N, C-alpha and C. Protein backbone atom coordinates (compact mmCIF):
# COMPACT_ATOMS: atom_id res chain seq x y z
N MET A 1 -24.23 23.06 48.48
CA MET A 1 -23.62 23.78 47.24
C MET A 1 -22.67 23.91 46.40
N LYS A 2 -21.61 23.64 47.63
CA LYS A 2 -20.02 23.50 47.23
C LYS A 2 -20.02 22.20 46.70
N LYS A 3 -20.21 21.17 47.13
CA LYS A 3 -20.56 19.66 46.86
C LYS A 3 -20.87 19.42 45.24
N SER A 4 -22.16 20.51 45.27
CA SER A 4 -22.89 20.36 43.55
C SER A 4 -21.87 21.46 42.61
N ILE A 5 -21.18 22.41 43.39
CA ILE A 5 -20.33 22.65 42.29
C ILE A 5 -18.78 22.12 41.80
N LEU A 6 -18.35 21.24 42.94
CA LEU A 6 -17.43 20.34 42.96
C LEU A 6 -17.82 19.30 42.21
N SER A 7 -18.71 18.59 42.42
CA SER A 7 -19.58 17.55 40.75
C SER A 7 -18.90 18.05 39.98
N LEU A 8 -20.17 19.14 39.36
CA LEU A 8 -19.80 20.02 37.99
C LEU A 8 -18.31 20.21 38.12
N ALA A 9 -17.57 20.53 38.11
CA ALA A 9 -16.56 20.97 38.05
C ALA A 9 -15.78 19.50 37.53
N LEU A 10 -15.83 18.35 38.65
CA LEU A 10 -15.09 16.82 38.18
C LEU A 10 -15.78 16.96 36.69
N ALA A 11 -17.14 16.53 36.88
CA ALA A 11 -17.51 15.98 35.63
C ALA A 11 -17.30 16.60 33.97
N VAL A 12 -16.92 17.96 33.98
CA VAL A 12 -16.26 18.86 32.91
C VAL A 12 -14.80 18.45 32.67
N ILE A 13 -14.10 18.63 34.15
CA ILE A 13 -12.98 18.26 34.01
C ILE A 13 -12.89 16.76 33.34
N CYS A 14 -14.00 15.47 34.15
CA CYS A 14 -13.65 14.36 33.38
C CYS A 14 -13.96 14.45 31.86
N SER A 15 -15.22 14.68 31.52
CA SER A 15 -15.49 14.98 30.21
C SER A 15 -14.79 15.39 28.86
N LEU A 16 -13.67 16.48 29.10
CA LEU A 16 -12.75 16.95 28.26
C LEU A 16 -11.83 16.09 27.83
N GLY A 17 -11.43 15.64 29.21
CA GLY A 17 -10.49 14.12 29.29
C GLY A 17 -10.57 13.21 28.50
N VAL A 18 -12.35 13.16 28.69
CA VAL A 18 -12.47 12.10 27.05
C VAL A 18 -12.58 12.24 25.82
N THR A 19 -13.13 13.82 26.22
CA THR A 19 -12.42 13.72 24.48
C THR A 19 -11.18 14.66 24.00
N ALA A 20 -10.95 14.80 24.51
CA ALA A 20 -9.33 14.97 24.49
C ALA A 20 -8.31 14.20 24.04
N ALA A 21 -8.79 12.85 24.66
CA ALA A 21 -7.61 11.28 24.49
C ALA A 21 -8.41 10.52 23.29
N PRO A 22 -8.71 10.69 22.14
CA PRO A 22 -9.47 9.69 21.10
C PRO A 22 -8.97 8.33 21.32
N ILE A 23 -9.43 7.19 20.79
CA ILE A 23 -8.87 6.08 21.35
C ILE A 23 -8.52 5.69 19.89
N ASP A 24 -7.27 5.47 19.15
CA ASP A 24 -7.06 5.06 17.87
C ASP A 24 -6.85 3.87 17.64
N GLY A 25 -6.33 2.96 18.80
CA GLY A 25 -6.07 1.67 18.88
C GLY A 25 -4.34 1.20 18.82
N ASP A 26 -3.59 0.58 19.03
CA ASP A 26 -2.60 -0.20 19.15
C ASP A 26 -1.58 0.30 17.53
N LYS A 27 -0.71 1.43 17.27
CA LYS A 27 -0.34 1.48 15.84
C LYS A 27 1.00 0.86 15.84
N LYS A 28 1.58 -0.01 15.09
CA LYS A 28 2.43 -1.19 15.16
C LYS A 28 3.13 -0.77 13.97
N GLU A 29 4.56 0.13 13.97
CA GLU A 29 5.40 0.18 12.79
C GLU A 29 5.76 -1.03 12.36
N VAL A 30 6.41 -0.62 11.04
CA VAL A 30 6.33 -1.97 10.01
C VAL A 30 8.05 -1.81 10.04
N LYS A 31 9.06 -3.09 10.19
CA LYS A 31 10.05 -2.67 10.13
C LYS A 31 10.76 -2.86 8.41
N THR A 32 10.66 -1.91 8.02
CA THR A 32 11.05 -1.74 6.35
C THR A 32 12.05 -2.37 5.90
N SER A 33 13.11 -2.48 6.47
CA SER A 33 14.36 -3.36 6.06
C SER A 33 14.38 -4.88 6.82
N GLU A 34 13.03 -5.56 7.03
CA GLU A 34 12.73 -6.58 6.75
C GLU A 34 11.60 -6.99 6.41
N SER A 35 10.70 -6.28 6.15
CA SER A 35 9.61 -6.16 4.95
C SER A 35 10.09 -6.15 3.76
N LYS A 36 9.48 -7.23 2.63
CA LYS A 36 9.23 -6.99 1.37
C LYS A 36 8.31 -7.01 0.80
N VAL A 37 8.55 -6.16 -0.42
CA VAL A 37 7.36 -5.71 -1.23
C VAL A 37 8.06 -6.19 -2.77
N THR A 38 7.27 -7.12 -3.42
CA THR A 38 7.77 -8.13 -4.43
C THR A 38 6.56 -7.87 -6.02
N TRP A 39 7.17 -7.18 -7.13
CA TRP A 39 6.02 -7.34 -8.11
C TRP A 39 6.38 -8.22 -9.24
N LYS A 40 5.21 -8.05 -9.55
CA LYS A 40 5.47 -9.16 -11.07
C LYS A 40 4.57 -8.18 -12.27
N GLY A 41 4.83 -7.66 -13.51
CA GLY A 41 4.19 -7.55 -13.97
C GLY A 41 4.02 -8.29 -15.73
N TYR A 42 2.85 -8.54 -16.27
CA TYR A 42 2.87 -9.33 -17.54
C TYR A 42 2.62 -8.25 -18.82
N LYS A 43 2.88 -9.14 -19.78
CA LYS A 43 3.29 -9.41 -21.14
C LYS A 43 2.76 -10.26 -22.06
N VAL A 44 2.46 -9.60 -23.24
CA VAL A 44 1.76 -11.10 -24.02
C VAL A 44 2.90 -12.33 -24.19
N THR A 45 4.17 -11.52 -24.19
CA THR A 45 5.33 -12.92 -24.34
C THR A 45 6.09 -12.95 -23.01
N GLY A 46 5.11 -12.58 -22.21
CA GLY A 46 6.05 -13.10 -20.92
C GLY A 46 5.69 -12.30 -19.51
N SER A 47 6.60 -12.04 -18.62
CA SER A 47 6.39 -11.09 -17.20
C SER A 47 7.68 -10.96 -17.22
N HIS A 48 7.45 -9.88 -16.18
CA HIS A 48 9.00 -9.87 -15.38
C HIS A 48 8.64 -9.44 -13.60
N THR A 49 9.67 -9.48 -13.06
CA THR A 49 9.48 -9.26 -11.57
C THR A 49 10.61 -9.15 -10.94
N GLY A 50 10.49 -8.31 -10.00
CA GLY A 50 11.07 -6.90 -9.18
C GLY A 50 10.83 -6.97 -7.34
N THR A 51 11.07 -6.04 -7.05
CA THR A 51 10.97 -5.71 -5.92
C THR A 51 11.29 -3.94 -5.47
N ILE A 52 10.58 -3.59 -4.99
CA ILE A 52 10.23 -1.97 -4.70
C ILE A 52 10.49 -1.99 -2.68
N ASN A 53 10.87 -0.75 -2.31
CA ASN A 53 11.53 -1.00 -1.24
C ASN A 53 9.73 -0.14 -0.23
N LEU A 54 9.67 -0.65 0.78
CA LEU A 54 8.56 0.54 2.03
C LEU A 54 9.80 1.26 2.25
N LYS A 55 9.00 2.78 2.24
CA LYS A 55 9.76 3.91 3.36
C LYS A 55 9.49 3.84 4.80
N SER A 56 7.95 3.51 4.76
CA SER A 56 7.69 3.72 5.77
C SER A 56 6.19 2.98 6.36
N GLY A 57 5.66 2.81 7.17
CA GLY A 57 4.90 1.57 7.41
C GLY A 57 4.24 1.50 8.44
N SER A 58 2.39 1.32 9.04
CA SER A 58 2.48 0.74 10.16
C SER A 58 0.84 0.07 9.88
N LEU A 59 0.62 -0.81 11.17
CA LEU A 59 -0.44 -1.30 11.25
C LEU A 59 -1.10 -0.97 12.36
N VAL A 60 -3.01 -0.96 12.33
CA VAL A 60 -3.25 -0.44 13.83
C VAL A 60 -4.50 -1.66 14.35
N PHE A 61 -4.15 -1.57 15.33
CA PHE A 61 -4.55 -3.12 16.03
C PHE A 61 -6.19 -2.47 17.12
N ASP A 62 -6.87 -3.29 16.93
CA ASP A 62 -7.54 -2.81 18.20
C ASP A 62 -8.27 -3.98 18.99
N GLY A 63 -7.11 -4.76 19.96
CA GLY A 63 -6.72 -6.00 20.54
C GLY A 63 -6.56 -6.48 19.62
N ASP A 64 -6.62 -7.55 18.91
CA ASP A 64 -6.15 -8.40 17.65
C ASP A 64 -6.35 -8.45 16.93
N LYS A 65 -7.59 -7.30 16.91
CA LYS A 65 -8.19 -7.08 15.05
C LYS A 65 -7.54 -5.51 14.62
N LEU A 66 -7.28 -6.41 13.14
CA LEU A 66 -6.77 -5.25 12.39
C LEU A 66 -7.99 -4.17 12.23
N THR A 67 -7.57 -3.23 12.21
CA THR A 67 -8.64 -1.77 11.80
C THR A 67 -7.97 -1.22 11.24
N GLY A 68 -6.52 -0.47 10.81
CA GLY A 68 -6.34 0.10 9.92
C GLY A 68 -4.74 0.24 9.44
N GLY A 69 -4.02 0.81 8.55
CA GLY A 69 -2.78 0.89 8.11
C GLY A 69 -2.45 2.00 7.20
N GLU A 70 -1.43 2.19 7.29
CA GLU A 70 -1.05 3.15 6.08
C GLU A 70 0.95 2.98 5.65
N PHE A 71 1.04 3.15 4.33
CA PHE A 71 2.36 2.78 3.94
C PHE A 71 2.60 3.36 2.72
N VAL A 72 4.19 3.70 2.72
CA VAL A 72 4.62 4.84 1.61
C VAL A 72 5.44 3.91 1.25
N VAL A 73 5.29 3.85 -0.38
CA VAL A 73 6.32 3.02 -0.98
C VAL A 73 7.80 3.93 -1.80
N ASP A 74 8.99 3.76 -1.45
CA ASP A 74 9.82 4.55 -2.20
C ASP A 74 10.08 4.09 -3.56
N MET A 75 9.26 4.97 -4.95
CA MET A 75 9.06 4.56 -6.03
C MET A 75 10.70 4.75 -6.84
N THR A 76 11.61 5.29 -5.97
CA THR A 76 12.89 5.35 -6.91
C THR A 76 13.52 4.00 -6.54
N THR A 77 13.03 3.17 -6.12
CA THR A 77 14.16 2.45 -5.96
C THR A 77 13.24 0.94 -6.64
N ILE A 78 12.33 1.05 -7.79
CA ILE A 78 11.86 -0.09 -8.48
C ILE A 78 13.29 -1.34 -8.81
N ASN A 79 12.90 -1.49 -8.46
CA ASN A 79 14.34 -3.20 -8.97
C ASN A 79 13.53 -4.40 -9.60
N THR A 80 14.64 -4.51 -10.81
CA THR A 80 13.75 -6.22 -11.63
C THR A 80 14.84 -6.73 -11.23
N THR A 81 14.29 -7.88 -10.95
CA THR A 81 15.17 -9.34 -10.18
C THR A 81 15.70 -10.22 -11.06
N ASP A 82 14.82 -9.99 -12.69
CA ASP A 82 14.27 -11.46 -13.33
C ASP A 82 15.72 -11.12 -14.60
N LEU A 83 16.24 -10.21 -14.10
CA LEU A 83 16.86 -9.37 -15.66
C LEU A 83 18.44 -9.29 -14.76
N GLU A 84 19.50 -8.81 -16.00
CA GLU A 84 20.71 -8.78 -15.29
C GLU A 84 21.19 -7.81 -16.77
N GLY A 85 22.44 -7.14 -15.93
CA GLY A 85 23.30 -6.42 -17.04
C GLY A 85 22.64 -5.11 -17.69
N GLU A 86 22.39 -4.71 -18.90
CA GLU A 86 22.50 -3.76 -19.75
C GLU A 86 20.61 -4.22 -19.74
N TYR A 87 19.96 -5.02 -19.78
CA TYR A 87 18.21 -4.93 -19.81
C TYR A 87 18.27 -4.90 -19.13
N LYS A 88 18.64 -5.12 -17.58
CA LYS A 88 18.03 -5.22 -16.19
C LYS A 88 18.05 -3.46 -16.27
N GLY A 89 19.42 -2.38 -16.51
CA GLY A 89 19.21 -1.37 -16.54
C GLY A 89 18.31 -0.52 -17.10
N LYS A 90 17.58 -0.95 -18.54
CA LYS A 90 17.04 -0.03 -19.07
C LYS A 90 16.01 -0.73 -18.67
N LEU A 91 15.38 -1.63 -18.21
CA LEU A 91 13.84 -1.82 -18.25
C LEU A 91 13.60 -1.01 -16.37
N ASP A 92 14.93 -1.27 -15.30
CA ASP A 92 14.29 -0.32 -14.59
C ASP A 92 14.23 0.92 -14.58
N GLY A 93 15.37 1.65 -15.76
CA GLY A 93 15.02 3.43 -16.04
C GLY A 93 13.74 3.62 -16.36
N HIS A 94 13.16 2.62 -17.54
CA HIS A 94 11.23 2.73 -17.95
C HIS A 94 10.80 2.75 -16.71
N LEU A 95 10.99 1.78 -16.09
CA LEU A 95 9.77 1.71 -15.13
C LEU A 95 9.68 3.23 -14.43
N LYS A 96 10.94 3.79 -13.99
CA LYS A 96 10.57 4.86 -13.03
C LYS A 96 10.80 6.26 -13.99
N SER A 97 10.85 5.61 -15.63
CA SER A 97 10.52 6.89 -16.60
C SER A 97 8.96 7.47 -16.16
N ASP A 98 8.35 8.26 -17.27
CA ASP A 98 7.14 8.96 -17.27
C ASP A 98 6.22 8.20 -17.84
N ASP A 99 7.06 7.23 -19.11
CA ASP A 99 6.32 6.61 -19.19
C ASP A 99 5.56 5.49 -18.43
N PHE A 100 5.92 5.15 -17.35
CA PHE A 100 5.71 4.30 -16.65
C PHE A 100 4.86 5.08 -15.04
N PHE A 101 5.77 4.93 -14.29
CA PHE A 101 5.51 5.39 -12.66
C PHE A 101 6.04 6.96 -12.29
N GLY A 102 6.73 7.47 -13.41
CA GLY A 102 7.15 8.92 -13.12
C GLY A 102 7.86 9.09 -11.84
N ALA A 103 8.56 8.59 -11.27
CA ALA A 103 9.45 8.37 -10.18
C ALA A 103 10.62 9.81 -9.68
N GLU A 104 10.43 10.20 -10.63
CA GLU A 104 11.04 11.86 -10.35
C GLU A 104 10.26 12.64 -9.50
N LYS A 105 8.85 13.38 -10.56
CA LYS A 105 8.00 13.62 -10.45
C LYS A 105 7.37 13.11 -8.99
N HIS A 106 7.36 11.65 -8.90
CA HIS A 106 6.19 11.15 -8.15
C HIS A 106 7.21 10.41 -7.32
N PRO A 107 8.07 10.83 -6.46
CA PRO A 107 9.27 9.58 -5.91
C PRO A 107 8.19 8.58 -4.68
N THR A 108 6.80 9.02 -4.20
CA THR A 108 6.58 8.22 -3.37
C THR A 108 4.92 7.31 -3.94
N SER A 109 4.53 6.29 -3.35
CA SER A 109 2.92 5.95 -3.92
C SER A 109 2.65 5.74 -2.05
N LYS A 110 1.28 5.98 -1.92
CA LYS A 110 0.98 5.76 -0.86
C LYS A 110 -0.58 4.87 -0.67
N LEU A 111 -0.45 4.12 0.69
CA LEU A 111 -1.32 3.29 0.64
C LEU A 111 -2.05 3.71 2.01
N VAL A 112 -3.88 3.67 2.40
CA VAL A 112 -4.01 4.18 3.43
C VAL A 112 -5.69 3.22 3.37
N PHE A 113 -5.55 2.34 4.70
CA PHE A 113 -6.32 1.11 4.80
C PHE A 113 -7.67 2.51 5.00
N THR A 114 -8.92 2.24 4.74
CA THR A 114 -10.25 2.90 4.84
C THR A 114 -11.11 1.87 5.61
N SER A 115 -11.12 0.83 5.47
CA SER A 115 -11.56 -0.36 5.98
C SER A 115 -10.85 -1.70 6.35
N SER A 116 -11.69 -2.28 7.04
CA SER A 116 -11.21 -3.93 6.88
C SER A 116 -11.77 -4.58 7.74
N LYS A 117 -12.10 -5.62 7.33
CA LYS A 117 -13.07 -6.64 7.69
C LYS A 117 -12.92 -8.06 7.83
N SER A 118 -12.49 -8.97 9.26
CA SER A 118 -12.55 -10.06 9.38
C SER A 118 -13.35 -10.93 8.93
N PHE A 119 -12.83 -12.03 7.73
CA PHE A 119 -13.52 -13.20 8.09
C PHE A 119 -13.19 -14.45 8.21
N ASN A 120 -12.24 -14.37 9.00
CA ASN A 120 -11.72 -15.77 9.88
C ASN A 120 -10.84 -15.23 10.61
N LYS A 121 -10.52 -16.16 11.72
CA LYS A 121 -9.81 -15.66 12.50
C LYS A 121 -8.03 -14.41 12.32
N ASN A 122 -7.47 -14.93 11.73
CA ASN A 122 -6.49 -14.71 10.95
C ASN A 122 -6.28 -13.30 9.62
N SER A 123 -7.93 -13.43 8.92
CA SER A 123 -7.53 -12.43 7.52
C SER A 123 -8.80 -11.53 7.45
N TYR A 124 -8.44 -10.75 6.68
CA TYR A 124 -9.20 -9.54 6.45
C TYR A 124 -9.30 -8.88 5.10
N THR A 125 -10.57 -8.32 4.90
CA THR A 125 -10.65 -8.09 3.70
C THR A 125 -10.58 -6.37 4.09
N VAL A 126 -9.55 -6.22 3.39
CA VAL A 126 -9.29 -4.69 3.45
C VAL A 126 -9.46 -4.16 2.19
N THR A 127 -10.08 -2.54 1.66
CA THR A 127 -10.49 -1.35 1.06
C THR A 127 -9.29 -0.33 1.59
N GLY A 128 -8.77 0.32 0.46
CA GLY A 128 -7.80 1.25 0.89
C GLY A 128 -7.78 2.22 0.08
N ASP A 129 -7.64 3.38 0.34
CA ASP A 129 -6.87 4.50 -0.94
C ASP A 129 -5.50 4.00 -1.46
N LEU A 130 -5.12 4.50 -2.56
CA LEU A 130 -3.85 4.00 -3.50
C LEU A 130 -3.81 5.47 -3.96
N THR A 131 -2.89 5.83 -3.75
CA THR A 131 -1.94 6.61 -4.46
C THR A 131 -0.38 6.54 -5.40
N ILE A 132 -1.00 6.63 -6.80
CA ILE A 132 0.50 6.61 -7.23
C ILE A 132 0.18 7.74 -8.87
N LYS A 133 1.48 8.28 -8.61
CA LYS A 133 1.12 9.33 -9.97
C LYS A 133 0.32 10.24 -9.31
N GLY A 134 -0.14 10.72 -8.26
CA GLY A 134 -0.90 11.77 -7.50
C GLY A 134 -2.29 11.39 -7.34
N ILE A 135 -2.46 9.95 -8.37
CA ILE A 135 -4.02 9.89 -8.74
C ILE A 135 -4.41 8.85 -7.72
N THR A 136 -5.82 9.36 -6.52
CA THR A 136 -5.79 7.72 -5.87
C THR A 136 -7.20 7.25 -6.46
N LYS A 137 -7.20 6.09 -5.98
CA LYS A 137 -8.40 5.13 -6.26
C LYS A 137 -8.31 4.24 -5.33
N ALA A 138 -9.49 3.54 -4.89
CA ALA A 138 -9.98 2.34 -3.90
C ALA A 138 -9.24 1.50 -4.38
N VAL A 139 -9.03 0.38 -3.67
CA VAL A 139 -8.17 -0.94 -3.83
C VAL A 139 -8.66 -2.01 -3.22
N THR A 140 -9.26 -2.71 -3.44
CA THR A 140 -9.46 -4.33 -1.92
C THR A 140 -8.78 -5.25 -2.46
N PHE A 141 -8.19 -5.75 -0.71
CA PHE A 141 -7.48 -6.80 -1.01
C PHE A 141 -7.45 -7.69 0.11
N VAL A 142 -6.97 -8.85 0.28
CA VAL A 142 -6.93 -9.34 1.50
C VAL A 142 -5.89 -9.35 2.18
N VAL A 143 -5.80 -9.41 3.43
CA VAL A 143 -4.66 -9.45 4.38
C VAL A 143 -4.44 -10.41 5.30
N SER A 144 -3.79 -10.98 5.65
CA SER A 144 -3.23 -12.55 6.84
C SER A 144 -2.39 -11.80 8.14
N VAL A 145 -2.89 -12.09 9.38
CA VAL A 145 -1.25 -11.90 10.08
C VAL A 145 -2.10 -12.94 10.39
N TYR A 146 -0.41 -12.99 11.26
CA TYR A 146 0.23 -14.12 12.13
C TYR A 146 1.12 -13.43 12.81
N GLY A 147 1.08 -13.44 14.37
CA GLY A 147 1.81 -12.55 15.29
C GLY A 147 2.61 -11.80 14.55
N ASN A 148 3.91 -11.34 14.43
CA ASN A 148 3.89 -9.67 13.76
C ASN A 148 4.28 -9.93 12.68
N LYS A 149 4.05 -10.85 12.20
CA LYS A 149 3.88 -10.47 9.92
C LYS A 149 2.64 -10.53 10.00
N ALA A 150 2.26 -10.12 8.59
CA ALA A 150 0.94 -9.67 7.64
C ALA A 150 2.13 -9.87 6.27
N THR A 151 0.50 -10.33 5.70
CA THR A 151 1.29 -10.74 4.29
C THR A 151 -0.34 -10.28 3.23
N ALA A 152 -0.30 -9.82 2.13
CA ALA A 152 -1.08 -9.78 0.86
C ALA A 152 -1.03 -9.64 -0.27
N THR A 153 -1.48 -10.16 -1.35
CA THR A 153 -1.35 -9.77 -2.47
C THR A 153 -2.23 -9.18 -3.08
N ILE A 154 -1.44 -7.93 -3.68
CA ILE A 154 -2.84 -6.78 -4.36
C ILE A 154 -2.68 -6.72 -6.14
N LYS A 155 -3.92 -6.92 -6.61
CA LYS A 155 -3.62 -6.44 -7.88
C LYS A 155 -4.23 -5.15 -8.68
N ILE A 156 -3.10 -4.49 -8.89
CA ILE A 156 -3.71 -3.19 -9.57
C ILE A 156 -3.54 -3.02 -11.16
N ASP A 157 -4.25 -2.27 -11.39
CA ASP A 157 -4.81 -1.88 -12.66
C ASP A 157 -4.17 -0.74 -13.00
N ARG A 158 -3.06 -0.41 -13.72
CA ARG A 158 -1.93 0.50 -13.71
C ARG A 158 -2.58 1.73 -14.19
N SER A 159 -3.90 1.24 -15.59
CA SER A 159 -4.48 1.85 -16.35
C SER A 159 -5.17 2.86 -15.68
N LYS A 160 -5.84 2.97 -14.11
CA LYS A 160 -6.34 3.68 -13.59
C LYS A 160 -5.86 4.82 -12.95
N TYR A 161 -4.04 4.45 -12.90
CA TYR A 161 -3.04 5.61 -12.46
C TYR A 161 -2.47 6.40 -13.57
N ASP A 162 -2.74 6.93 -14.73
CA ASP A 162 -2.33 7.21 -15.96
C ASP A 162 -0.73 6.75 -16.19
N VAL A 163 -1.10 5.24 -16.37
CA VAL A 163 0.47 4.66 -16.93
C VAL A 163 0.20 3.92 -18.11
N LYS A 164 0.62 4.45 -18.95
CA LYS A 164 -0.69 3.93 -20.02
C LYS A 164 0.72 3.38 -21.35
N TYR A 165 1.89 3.09 -20.87
CA TYR A 165 2.98 2.10 -22.00
C TYR A 165 2.30 1.23 -22.46
N GLY A 166 2.45 1.03 -23.53
CA GLY A 166 2.00 -0.92 -23.87
C GLY A 166 1.00 -1.01 -23.78
N SER A 167 0.30 -0.19 -23.30
CA SER A 167 -1.12 -0.59 -22.62
C SER A 167 -2.68 -0.90 -23.78
N GLY A 168 -3.11 -1.86 -23.83
CA GLY A 168 -3.98 -2.03 -25.02
C GLY A 168 -5.21 -1.45 -25.01
N SER A 169 -5.40 -0.48 -24.00
CA SER A 169 -6.74 -0.02 -22.88
C SER A 169 -6.06 1.29 -23.78
N PHE A 170 -5.55 1.74 -23.71
CA PHE A 170 -4.97 2.91 -24.40
C PHE A 170 -4.76 3.11 -26.00
N PHE A 171 -3.76 2.31 -26.82
CA PHE A 171 -3.37 2.08 -27.71
C PHE A 171 -3.79 0.81 -28.82
N GLU A 172 -3.89 1.06 -29.65
CA GLU A 172 -4.70 -0.16 -30.90
C GLU A 172 -2.75 -0.93 -31.44
N ASN A 173 -3.06 -1.72 -32.10
CA ASN A 173 -2.75 -2.59 -32.98
C ASN A 173 -0.88 -3.10 -32.01
N LEU A 174 -1.17 -2.90 -30.65
CA LEU A 174 -0.08 -3.49 -30.04
C LEU A 174 0.31 -5.11 -30.25
N GLY A 175 -0.37 -5.75 -30.44
CA GLY A 175 0.28 -7.12 -30.74
C GLY A 175 1.22 -7.50 -29.60
N ASP A 176 1.96 -8.28 -29.97
CA ASP A 176 2.97 -9.11 -28.72
C ASP A 176 4.09 -7.97 -28.12
N LYS A 177 4.06 -6.91 -28.48
CA LYS A 177 4.48 -5.63 -27.67
C LYS A 177 3.47 -5.27 -26.48
N THR A 178 2.65 -5.77 -26.58
CA THR A 178 0.97 -5.69 -25.32
C THR A 178 1.63 -5.41 -23.86
N ILE A 179 1.36 -4.62 -23.08
CA ILE A 179 1.94 -4.87 -22.01
C ILE A 179 0.49 -4.61 -20.89
N TYR A 180 -0.49 -6.20 -20.19
CA TYR A 180 -1.36 -6.20 -19.80
C TYR A 180 -1.10 -4.72 -18.55
N ASP A 181 -2.66 -4.40 -18.31
CA ASP A 181 -2.68 -3.27 -17.22
C ASP A 181 -3.00 -3.71 -16.21
N GLU A 182 -2.91 -4.67 -15.20
CA GLU A 182 -2.85 -5.55 -14.28
C GLU A 182 -1.51 -6.24 -13.87
N PHE A 183 -0.92 -5.15 -12.89
CA PHE A 183 0.28 -6.00 -12.80
C PHE A 183 -0.18 -6.43 -10.16
N ASP A 184 0.98 -7.44 -10.25
CA ASP A 184 0.78 -7.71 -8.94
C ASP A 184 1.62 -7.22 -7.92
N LEU A 185 1.17 -7.19 -6.32
CA LEU A 185 2.17 -6.93 -5.63
C LEU A 185 2.02 -7.65 -4.40
N VAL A 186 3.08 -8.18 -4.21
CA VAL A 186 3.05 -9.50 -2.73
C VAL A 186 3.84 -8.88 -2.27
N VAL A 187 2.79 -8.69 -0.81
CA VAL A 187 3.73 -7.86 0.57
C VAL A 187 3.83 -8.63 1.28
N ASP A 188 5.24 -8.54 2.02
CA ASP A 188 5.58 -9.83 2.87
C ASP A 188 5.98 -8.55 4.33
N LEU A 189 5.25 -8.36 5.11
CA LEU A 189 5.46 -7.24 6.66
C LEU A 189 5.89 -7.95 7.62
N VAL A 190 7.02 -7.57 8.45
CA VAL A 190 7.54 -7.61 9.49
C VAL A 190 7.16 -6.44 10.54
N PHE A 191 6.23 -6.51 11.47
CA PHE A 191 6.54 -5.40 12.42
C PHE A 191 6.32 -5.70 13.90
């Protein structure tokens, strides 16, 4: 009888221990000061490029397989790199304004991975929830991981996030003032 009670008690304690500590994988914090996010926006008459800073980020691995990730971008750090002086200041300010990303009201944007599927040794098709201006939409992109570095190129349709300025999706007869809805982010991470 004592043996049965002891066995039952050990079984209960062991099962509680298993359910209390779920395995989430190995979370690797991104080194924000060594990582880089570059953007490129397109218009009928050309393009502009720049950078934006990561506020925080992490990737989750199960062994050597990428299984998750979460990133926060500081929208107040939008920086144009292909212009200088007055024109740079004007474009930086305009991109931070309510016409574009509303950085004062929405100082951060966030990406949370919802799935990650390996298609070769180092590359994954990732789907995640991207939140810009308080609007969340799914995006799919490729992430490549090599050692303690990861890279991705993400094409984003700004019109899905209520970024309307100069968009042919919202306004007619813009002519050469049209700014294309899709822009690119090139992400180089160090963790």
